[in-house]
Amino acid sequence: MGIQIKIEGNALIARLDCEIDHLSAERLRGQIDAAFDKSSCRHMVLDFSSVNFMDSSGIGMIIGRYKNAEKRGGHLALAAMNNEMGRLFQISGLAKIITRAVTVEDALEDLRAPNSGAGRTSI
């Protein structure tokens, strides 16, 4: 349980492997931010393929990572969200500003596109 972080090109990819609640969101936030701060990446991809639950703390964690990427002139993309989390993503309004993709590879492709980011959805 936890997180796996890797860098591909100018994107930091964080594969989340836990339920995202108040306690885990705080830990994830710290780990992702520390890795992003040490990198020269502009973009960030959060891989939700191993996440089965997320509460409103996860929304806050996502918004903070979005702001961090924006500060560097980059974008945040979310990949492989299940239907329940996808619904939360839509209801929260995040779909208007953050890219959501089926796979990490799709997210990376969207981030490489000339007019990348801001609410494009490839699902």
C-alpha atoms as a PDB file:
ATOM      1  CA  MET A   1       0.000   0.000   0.000  1.00  0.00           C
ATOM      2  CA  GLY A   2       1.240   3.465  -0.796  1.00  0.00           C
ATOM      3  CA  ILE A   3       2.688   5.145  -3.791  1.00  0.00           C
ATOM      4  CA  GLN A   4       5.152   4.481  -6.601  1.00  0.00           C
ATOM      5  CA  ILE A   5       6.710   7.475  -8.302  1.00  0.00           C
ATOM      6  CA  LYS A   6       8.542   7.585 -11.603  1.00  0.00           C
ATOM      7  CA  ILE A   7       9.468  10.256 -14.092  1.00  0.00           C
ATOM      8  CA  GLU A   8       8.841  10.003 -17.803  1.00  0.00           C
ATOM      9  CA  GLY A   9       9.999  12.936 -19.895  1.00  0.00           C
ATOM     10  CA  ASN A  10       8.765  16.095 -18.214  1.00  0.00           C
ATOM     11  CA  ALA A  11       5.997  14.326 -16.257  1.00  0.00           C
ATOM     12  CA  LEU A  12       6.027  12.886 -12.775  1.00  0.00           C
ATOM     13  CA  ILE A  13       3.804   9.810 -12.571  1.00  0.00           C
ATOM     14  CA  ALA A  14       2.460   8.818  -9.160  1.00  0.00           C
ATOM     15  CA  ARG A  15       0.798   5.392  -9.009  1.00  0.00           C
ATOM     16  CA  LEU A  16      -1.454   5.478  -5.974  1.00  0.00           C
ATOM     17  CA  ASP A  17      -2.057   2.162  -4.232  1.00  0.00           C
ATOM     18  CA  CYS A  18      -4.318   2.835  -1.262  1.00  0.00           C
ATOM     19  CA  GLU A  19      -7.722   4.060  -0.206  1.00  0.00           C
ATOM     20  CA  ILE A  20      -7.626   7.840  -0.179  1.00  0.00           C
ATOM     21  CA  ASP A  21      -9.032   9.237   3.045  1.00  0.00           C
ATOM     22  CA  HIS A  22      -7.946  12.018   5.395  1.00  0.00           C
ATOM     23  CA  LEU A  23      -4.868  10.199   6.724  1.00  0.00           C
ATOM     24  CA  SER A  24      -3.606   8.758   3.458  1.00  0.00           C
ATOM     25  CA  ALA A  25      -4.299  11.974   1.503  1.00  0.00           C
ATOM     26  CA  GLU A  26      -1.924  13.872   3.791  1.00  0.00           C
ATOM     27  CA  ARG A  27       0.805  11.250   3.355  1.00  0.00           C
ATOM     28  CA  LEU A  28       0.340  11.103  -0.432  1.00  0.00           C
ATOM     29  CA  ARG A  29       0.426  14.885  -0.653  1.00  0.00           C
ATOM     30  CA  GLY A  30       3.775  15.005   1.138  1.00  0.00           C
ATOM     31  CA  GLN A  31       5.368  12.233  -0.918  1.00  0.00           C
ATOM     32  CA  ILE A  32       4.171  13.576  -4.270  1.00  0.00           C
ATOM     33  CA  ASP A  33       5.184  17.146  -3.451  1.00  0.00           C
ATOM     34  CA  ALA A  34       8.642  16.092  -2.249  1.00  0.00           C
ATOM     35  CA  ALA A  35       9.281  14.150  -5.474  1.00  0.00           C
ATOM     36  CA  PHE A  36       7.863  16.928  -7.663  1.00  0.00           C
ATOM     37  CA  ASP A  37       9.948  19.582  -5.890  1.00  0.00           C
ATOM     38  CA  LYS A  38      13.141  17.545  -6.462  1.00  0.00           C
ATOM     39  CA  SER A  39      12.347  17.033 -10.135  1.00  0.00           C
ATOM     40  CA  SER A  40      12.377  19.393 -13.078  1.00  0.00           C
ATOM     41  CA  CYS A  41       8.998  18.060 -14.262  1.00  0.00           C
ATOM     42  CA  ARG A  42       6.268  20.422 -15.403  1.00  0.00           C
ATOM     43  CA  HIS A  43       3.424  17.913 -15.567  1.00  0.00           C
ATOM     44  CA  MET A  44       1.988  15.391 -13.164  1.00  0.00           C
ATOM     45  CA  VAL A  45      -0.075  12.235 -13.708  1.00  0.00           C
ATOM     46  CA  LEU A  46      -1.916  10.561 -10.846  1.00  0.00           C
ATOM     47  CA  ASP A  47      -2.577   6.890 -11.636  1.00  0.00           C
ATOM     48  CA  PHE A  48      -5.710   5.666  -9.836  1.00  0.00           C
ATOM     49  CA  SER A  49      -5.668   2.126 -11.252  1.00  0.00           C
ATOM     50  CA  SER A  50      -5.134   0.613  -7.770  1.00  0.00           C
ATOM     51  CA  VAL A  51      -7.428   2.962  -5.838  1.00  0.00           C
ATOM     52  CA  ASN A  52     -10.832   1.581  -4.840  1.00  0.00           C
ATOM     53  CA  PHE A  53     -12.010   4.361  -2.540  1.00  0.00           C
ATOM     54  CA  MET A  54     -11.601   8.117  -2.303  1.00  0.00           C
ATOM     55  CA  ASP A  55     -13.428  10.601  -0.098  1.00  0.00           C
ATOM     56  CA  SER A  56     -13.435  14.402  -0.218  1.00  0.00           C
ATOM     57  CA  SER A  57      -9.881  14.457   1.170  1.00  0.00           C
ATOM     58  CA  GLY A  58      -8.802  13.042  -2.167  1.00  0.00           C
ATOM     59  CA  ILE A  59     -10.414  15.971  -3.973  1.00  0.00           C
ATOM     60  CA  GLY A  60      -8.354  18.357  -1.852  1.00  0.00           C
ATOM     61  CA  MET A  61      -5.202  16.363  -2.565  1.00  0.00           C
ATOM     62  CA  ILE A  62      -5.923  16.515  -6.319  1.00  0.00           C
ATOM     63  CA  ILE A  63      -6.565  20.277  -6.267  1.00  0.00           C
ATOM     64  CA  GLY A  64      -3.260  20.910  -4.507  1.00  0.00           C
ATOM     65  CA  ARG A  65      -1.316  18.846  -7.067  1.00  0.00           C
ATOM     66  CA  TYR A  66      -3.140  20.706  -9.861  1.00  0.00           C
ATOM     67  CA  LYS A  67      -1.987  24.028  -8.400  1.00  0.00           C
ATOM     68  CA  ASN A  68       1.601  22.796  -8.058  1.00  0.00           C
ATOM     69  CA  ALA A  69       1.734  21.733 -11.711  1.00  0.00           C
ATOM     70  CA  GLU A  70       0.150  25.013 -12.816  1.00  0.00           C
ATOM     71  CA  LYS A  71       2.827  26.980 -10.918  1.00  0.00           C
ATOM     72  CA  ARG A  72       5.416  25.346 -13.199  1.00  0.00           C
ATOM     73  CA  GLY A  73       3.422  26.024 -16.335  1.00  0.00           C
ATOM     74  CA  GLY A  74       2.341  22.396 -16.507  1.00  0.00           C
ATOM     75  CA  HIS A  75      -0.819  20.368 -16.133  1.00  0.00           C
ATOM     76  CA  LEU A  76      -2.204  17.582 -14.001  1.00  0.00           C
ATOM     77  CA  ALA A  77      -3.849  14.524 -15.522  1.00  0.00           C
ATOM     78  CA  LEU A  78      -5.720  11.741 -13.748  1.00  0.00           C
ATOM     79  CA  ALA A  79      -5.625   8.226 -15.148  1.00  0.00           C
ATOM     80  CA  ALA A  80      -7.550   4.990 -14.660  1.00  0.00           C
ATOM     81  CA  MET A  81     -10.238   6.185 -12.237  1.00  0.00           C
ATOM     82  CA  ASN A  82     -13.011   3.701 -11.537  1.00  0.00           C
ATOM     83  CA  ASN A  83     -16.623   4.731 -12.179  1.00  0.00           C
ATOM     84  CA  GLU A  84     -17.315   5.790  -8.591  1.00  0.00           C
ATOM     85  CA  MET A  85     -14.280   8.074  -8.466  1.00  0.00           C
ATOM     86  CA  GLY A  86     -15.043   9.325 -11.961  1.00  0.00           C
ATOM     87  CA  ARG A  87     -18.477  10.363 -10.733  1.00  0.00           C
ATOM     88  CA  LEU A  88     -16.929  12.207  -7.773  1.00  0.00           C
ATOM     89  CA  PHE A  89     -14.513  13.845 -10.238  1.00  0.00           C
ATOM     90  CA  GLN A  90     -17.447  15.085 -12.354  1.00  0.00           C
ATOM     91  CA  ILE A  91     -19.624  16.212  -9.435  1.00  0.00           C
ATOM     92  CA  SER A  92     -16.762  18.157  -7.845  1.00  0.00           C
ATOM     93  CA  GLY A  93     -16.280  20.225 -11.004  1.00  0.00           C
ATOM     94  CA  LEU A  94     -12.685  19.074 -11.446  1.00  0.00           C
ATOM     95  CA  ALA A  95     -13.554  17.738 -14.898  1.00  0.00           C
ATOM     96  CA  LYS A  96     -13.667  21.341 -16.102  1.00  0.00           C
ATOM     97  CA  ILE A  97     -10.003  21.979 -15.315  1.00  0.00           C
ATOM     98  CA  ILE A  98      -8.199  18.612 -15.116  1.00  0.00           C
ATOM     99  CA  THR A  99      -7.606  16.047 -17.838  1.00  0.00           C
ATOM    100  CA  ARG A 100      -8.927  12.551 -17.165  1.00  0.00           C
ATOM    101  CA  ALA A 101      -7.657   9.639 -19.230  1.00  0.00           C
ATOM    102  CA  VAL A 102      -8.282   5.905 -19.432  1.00  0.00           C
ATOM    103  CA  THR A 103      -4.604   4.974 -19.052  1.00  0.00           C
ATOM    104  CA  VAL A 104      -1.377   6.611 -17.947  1.00  0.00           C
ATOM    105  CA  GLU A 105      -0.160   6.382 -21.542  1.00  0.00           C
ATOM    106  CA  ASP A 106      -3.243   8.280 -22.742  1.00  0.00           C
ATOM    107  CA  ALA A 107      -2.666  10.913 -20.062  1.00  0.00           C
ATOM    108  CA  LEU A 108       0.957  11.357 -21.122  1.00  0.00           C
ATOM    109  CA  GLU A 109      -0.114  11.677 -24.754  1.00  0.00           C
ATOM    110  CA  ASP A 110      -2.660  14.349 -23.788  1.00  0.00           C
ATOM    111  CA  LEU A 111       0.006  16.248 -21.844  1.00  0.00           C
ATOM    112  CA  ARG A 112       2.347  16.177 -24.853  1.00  0.00           C
ATOM    113  CA  ALA A 113      -0.364  17.594 -27.142  1.00  0.00           C
ATOM    114  CA  PRO A 114       0.122  21.232 -28.220  1.00  0.00           C
ATOM    115  CA  ASN A 115      -3.002  22.500 -26.428  1.00  0.00           C
ATOM    116  CA  SER A 116      -2.620  20.215 -23.441  1.00  0.00           C
ATOM    117  CA  GLY A 117      -4.596  20.245 -20.245  1.00  0.00           C
ATOM    118  CA  ALA A 118      -7.634  22.099 -18.975  1.00  0.00           C
ATOM    119  CA  GLY A 119     -10.429  19.640 -18.830  1.00  0.00           C
ATOM    120  CA  ARG A 120      -9.737  17.506 -21.875  1.00  0.00           C
ATOM    121  CA  THR A 121     -11.074  14.035 -21.282  1.00  0.00           C
ATOM    122  CA  SER A 122      -9.928  11.041 -23.271  1.00  0.00           C
ATOM    123  CA  ILE A 123     -12.351   8.491 -21.894  1.00  0.00           C
END
